Amino acid sequence: MKITATLNEIVSLNLEDRIQLVQAIWDSIAAEQAYPELTEAQKQELDNRIKDHEINPDNTMTWEEIKASIKK
């Protein structure tokens, strides 16, 4: 596969088609359950977030609250 030619073809697609392509690619990766190994730093960050949530379970935001805060 000529990756450069493929990328050039992808760039020529409209935005909606490119988004659909990315979703299809991601779905194919997820279907294989081929997830990269986490780095030690990523594992530590996840552990920290879990601990924080266990200590402060009510310190959360809904997706709607997050979107609203971003739009401000």
N, C-alpha and C. Protein backbone atom coordinates (compact mmCIF):
# COMPACT_ATOMS: atom_id res chain seq x y z
N MET A 1 0.84 -1.18 0.00
CA MET A 1 0.00 0.00 0.00
C MET A 1 0.89 1.24 0.00
N LYS A 2 0.56 2.15 -0.85
CA LYS A 2 1.28 3.41 -0.92
C LYS A 2 0.61 4.40 0.03
N ILE A 3 1.15 4.53 1.23
CA ILE A 3 0.52 5.33 2.26
C ILE A 3 0.39 6.80 1.86
N THR A 4 1.40 7.35 1.20
CA THR A 4 1.34 8.75 0.79
C THR A 4 0.21 8.99 -0.19
N ALA A 5 0.06 8.11 -1.17
CA ALA A 5 -1.03 8.24 -2.14
C ALA A 5 -2.38 8.10 -1.44
N THR A 6 -2.46 7.17 -0.51
CA THR A 6 -3.71 6.98 0.23
C THR A 6 -4.04 8.21 1.05
N LEU A 7 -3.05 8.76 1.73
CA LEU A 7 -3.27 9.97 2.53
C LEU A 7 -3.70 11.15 1.66
N ASN A 8 -3.09 11.28 0.50
CA ASN A 8 -3.48 12.36 -0.41
C ASN A 8 -4.92 12.20 -0.86
N GLU A 9 -5.33 10.97 -1.08
CA GLU A 9 -6.72 10.72 -1.47
C GLU A 9 -7.67 11.03 -0.31
N ILE A 10 -7.26 10.66 0.89
CA ILE A 10 -8.09 10.93 2.07
C ILE A 10 -8.27 12.42 2.28
N VAL A 11 -7.19 13.18 2.14
CA VAL A 11 -7.25 14.63 2.34
C VAL A 11 -8.22 15.29 1.35
N SER A 12 -8.38 14.69 0.20
CA SER A 12 -9.28 15.26 -0.81
C SER A 12 -10.75 15.02 -0.49
N LEU A 13 -11.04 14.14 0.47
CA LEU A 13 -12.43 13.88 0.85
C LEU A 13 -12.98 15.06 1.64
N ASN A 14 -14.31 15.21 1.63
CA ASN A 14 -14.90 16.27 2.44
C ASN A 14 -14.83 15.86 3.91
N LEU A 15 -15.07 16.80 4.79
CA LEU A 15 -14.92 16.60 6.22
C LEU A 15 -15.78 15.44 6.73
N GLU A 16 -17.03 15.40 6.32
CA GLU A 16 -17.93 14.35 6.78
C GLU A 16 -17.41 12.96 6.39
N ASP A 17 -16.94 12.83 5.16
CA ASP A 17 -16.41 11.53 4.72
C ASP A 17 -15.15 11.15 5.48
N ARG A 18 -14.29 12.13 5.78
CA ARG A 18 -13.08 11.83 6.54
C ARG A 18 -13.42 11.38 7.96
N ILE A 19 -14.42 12.02 8.57
CA ILE A 19 -14.85 11.61 9.90
C ILE A 19 -15.40 10.19 9.87
N GLN A 20 -16.20 9.88 8.87
CA GLN A 20 -16.73 8.53 8.74
C GLN A 20 -15.60 7.52 8.55
N LEU A 21 -14.59 7.89 7.80
CA LEU A 21 -13.44 7.00 7.59
C LEU A 21 -12.69 6.75 8.90
N VAL A 22 -12.46 7.81 9.65
CA VAL A 22 -11.78 7.66 10.95
C VAL A 22 -12.60 6.76 11.87
N GLN A 23 -13.90 6.95 11.89
CA GLN A 23 -14.75 6.10 12.73
C GLN A 23 -14.67 4.64 12.29
N ALA A 24 -14.67 4.41 11.00
CA ALA A 24 -14.59 3.04 10.48
C ALA A 24 -13.24 2.41 10.84
N ILE A 25 -12.17 3.18 10.72
CA ILE A 25 -10.85 2.67 11.08
C ILE A 25 -10.80 2.35 12.57
N TRP A 26 -11.30 3.27 13.40
CA TRP A 26 -11.29 3.04 14.84
C TRP A 26 -12.12 1.81 15.20
N ASP A 27 -13.29 1.66 14.58
CA ASP A 27 -14.13 0.49 14.84
C ASP A 27 -13.41 -0.80 14.47
N SER A 28 -12.65 -0.78 13.37
CA SER A 28 -11.92 -1.98 12.97
C SER A 28 -10.81 -2.32 13.96
N ILE A 29 -10.18 -1.30 14.52
CA ILE A 29 -9.15 -1.53 15.54
C ILE A 29 -9.78 -2.08 16.81
N ALA A 30 -10.89 -1.48 17.22
CA ALA A 30 -11.57 -1.93 18.43
C ALA A 30 -12.08 -3.35 18.29
N ALA A 31 -12.52 -3.71 17.09
CA ALA A 31 -13.02 -5.07 16.86
C ALA A 31 -11.92 -6.10 17.05
N GLU A 32 -10.70 -5.74 16.76
CA GLU A 32 -9.57 -6.65 16.95
C GLU A 32 -9.07 -6.64 18.39
N GLN A 33 -9.58 -5.71 19.17
CA GLN A 33 -9.14 -5.51 20.54
C GLN A 33 -7.62 -5.43 20.61
N ALA A 34 -7.07 -4.68 19.68
CA ALA A 34 -5.62 -4.48 19.62
C ALA A 34 -5.31 -3.13 20.26
N TYR A 35 -5.15 -3.14 21.57
CA TYR A 35 -4.89 -1.90 22.29
C TYR A 35 -3.41 -1.83 22.66
N PRO A 36 -2.80 -0.70 22.44
CA PRO A 36 -1.39 -0.57 22.79
C PRO A 36 -1.22 -0.63 24.31
N GLU A 37 -0.06 -1.06 24.74
CA GLU A 37 0.25 -1.10 26.16
C GLU A 37 0.33 0.33 26.69
N LEU A 38 -0.15 0.52 27.90
CA LEU A 38 -0.03 1.83 28.53
C LEU A 38 1.39 2.02 29.04
N THR A 39 1.83 3.26 29.01
CA THR A 39 3.13 3.57 29.59
C THR A 39 2.97 3.58 31.11
N GLU A 40 4.07 3.54 31.81
CA GLU A 40 4.02 3.61 33.28
C GLU A 40 3.38 4.93 33.73
N ALA A 41 3.68 6.01 33.03
CA ALA A 41 3.10 7.31 33.37
C ALA A 41 1.58 7.29 33.19
N GLN A 42 1.10 6.66 32.12
CA GLN A 42 -0.34 6.55 31.89
C GLN A 42 -1.01 5.70 32.96
N LYS A 43 -0.36 4.59 33.33
CA LYS A 43 -0.90 3.73 34.39
C LYS A 43 -0.98 4.50 35.70
N GLN A 44 0.06 5.25 36.01
CA GLN A 44 0.07 6.03 37.25
C GLN A 44 -1.03 7.08 37.25
N GLU A 45 -1.22 7.74 36.11
CA GLU A 45 -2.27 8.75 36.00
C GLU A 45 -3.65 8.13 36.22
N LEU A 46 -3.89 6.98 35.62
CA LEU A 46 -5.17 6.29 35.83
C LEU A 46 -5.35 5.90 37.30
N ASP A 47 -4.29 5.38 37.92
CA ASP A 47 -4.36 5.03 39.35
C ASP A 47 -4.69 6.26 40.20
N ASN A 48 -4.05 7.39 39.88
CA ASN A 48 -4.31 8.63 40.62
C ASN A 48 -5.76 9.08 40.46
N ARG A 49 -6.28 8.97 39.26
CA ARG A 49 -7.66 9.38 39.02
C ARG A 49 -8.65 8.47 39.74
N ILE A 50 -8.36 7.18 39.76
CA ILE A 50 -9.23 6.24 40.48
C ILE A 50 -9.22 6.56 41.97
N LYS A 51 -8.03 6.77 42.53
CA LYS A 51 -7.91 7.11 43.96
C LYS A 51 -8.67 8.39 44.27
N ASP A 52 -8.51 9.41 43.41
CA ASP A 52 -9.20 10.67 43.61
C ASP A 52 -10.71 10.47 43.59
N HIS A 53 -11.18 9.66 42.68
CA HIS A 53 -12.63 9.40 42.61
C HIS A 53 -13.12 8.65 43.85
N GLU A 54 -12.32 7.71 44.33
CA GLU A 54 -12.71 6.97 45.54
C GLU A 54 -12.78 7.89 46.75
N ILE A 55 -11.88 8.87 46.82
CA ILE A 55 -11.86 9.82 47.93
C ILE A 55 -12.98 10.84 47.79
N ASN A 56 -13.25 11.28 46.56
CA ASN A 56 -14.24 12.33 46.28
C ASN A 56 -15.25 11.85 45.23
N PRO A 57 -16.09 10.87 45.56
CA PRO A 57 -16.98 10.31 44.54
C PRO A 57 -18.01 11.30 43.99
N ASP A 58 -18.29 12.36 44.75
CA ASP A 58 -19.27 13.34 44.27
C ASP A 58 -18.64 14.46 43.45
N ASN A 59 -17.33 14.45 43.32
CA ASN A 59 -16.63 15.47 42.55
C ASN A 59 -16.60 15.06 41.08
N THR A 60 -17.76 15.10 40.46
CA THR A 60 -17.90 14.69 39.06
C THR A 60 -18.70 15.72 38.29
N MET A 61 -18.63 15.62 36.97
CA MET A 61 -19.42 16.48 36.09
C MET A 61 -20.07 15.61 35.03
N THR A 62 -21.29 15.97 34.66
CA THR A 62 -21.93 15.27 33.56
C THR A 62 -21.34 15.76 32.25
N TRP A 63 -21.58 15.01 31.20
CA TRP A 63 -21.10 15.43 29.87
C TRP A 63 -21.72 16.77 29.50
N GLU A 64 -22.98 16.97 29.85
CA GLU A 64 -23.64 18.25 29.54
C GLU A 64 -22.95 19.40 30.28
N GLU A 65 -22.57 19.19 31.54
CA GLU A 65 -21.86 20.23 32.29
C GLU A 65 -20.50 20.53 31.68
N ILE A 66 -19.82 19.50 31.24
CA ILE A 66 -18.51 19.69 30.61
C ILE A 66 -18.65 20.50 29.32
N LYS A 67 -19.61 20.13 28.49
CA LYS A 67 -19.82 20.87 27.23
C LYS A 67 -20.16 22.32 27.52
N ALA A 68 -21.02 22.55 28.50
CA ALA A 68 -21.41 23.92 28.83
C ALA A 68 -20.21 24.73 29.32
N SER A 69 -19.33 24.12 30.12
CA SER A 69 -18.16 24.85 30.62
C SER A 69 -17.18 25.18 29.50
N ILE A 70 -17.10 24.31 28.51
CA ILE A 70 -16.22 24.54 27.37
C ILE A 70 -16.73 25.71 26.53
N LYS A 71 -18.04 25.80 26.39
CA LYS A 71 -18.64 26.83 25.55
C LYS A 71 -18.57 28.22 26.17
N LYS A 72 -18.30 28.29 27.49
CA LYS A 72 -18.25 29.60 28.17
C LYS A 72 -17.03 30.40 27.76
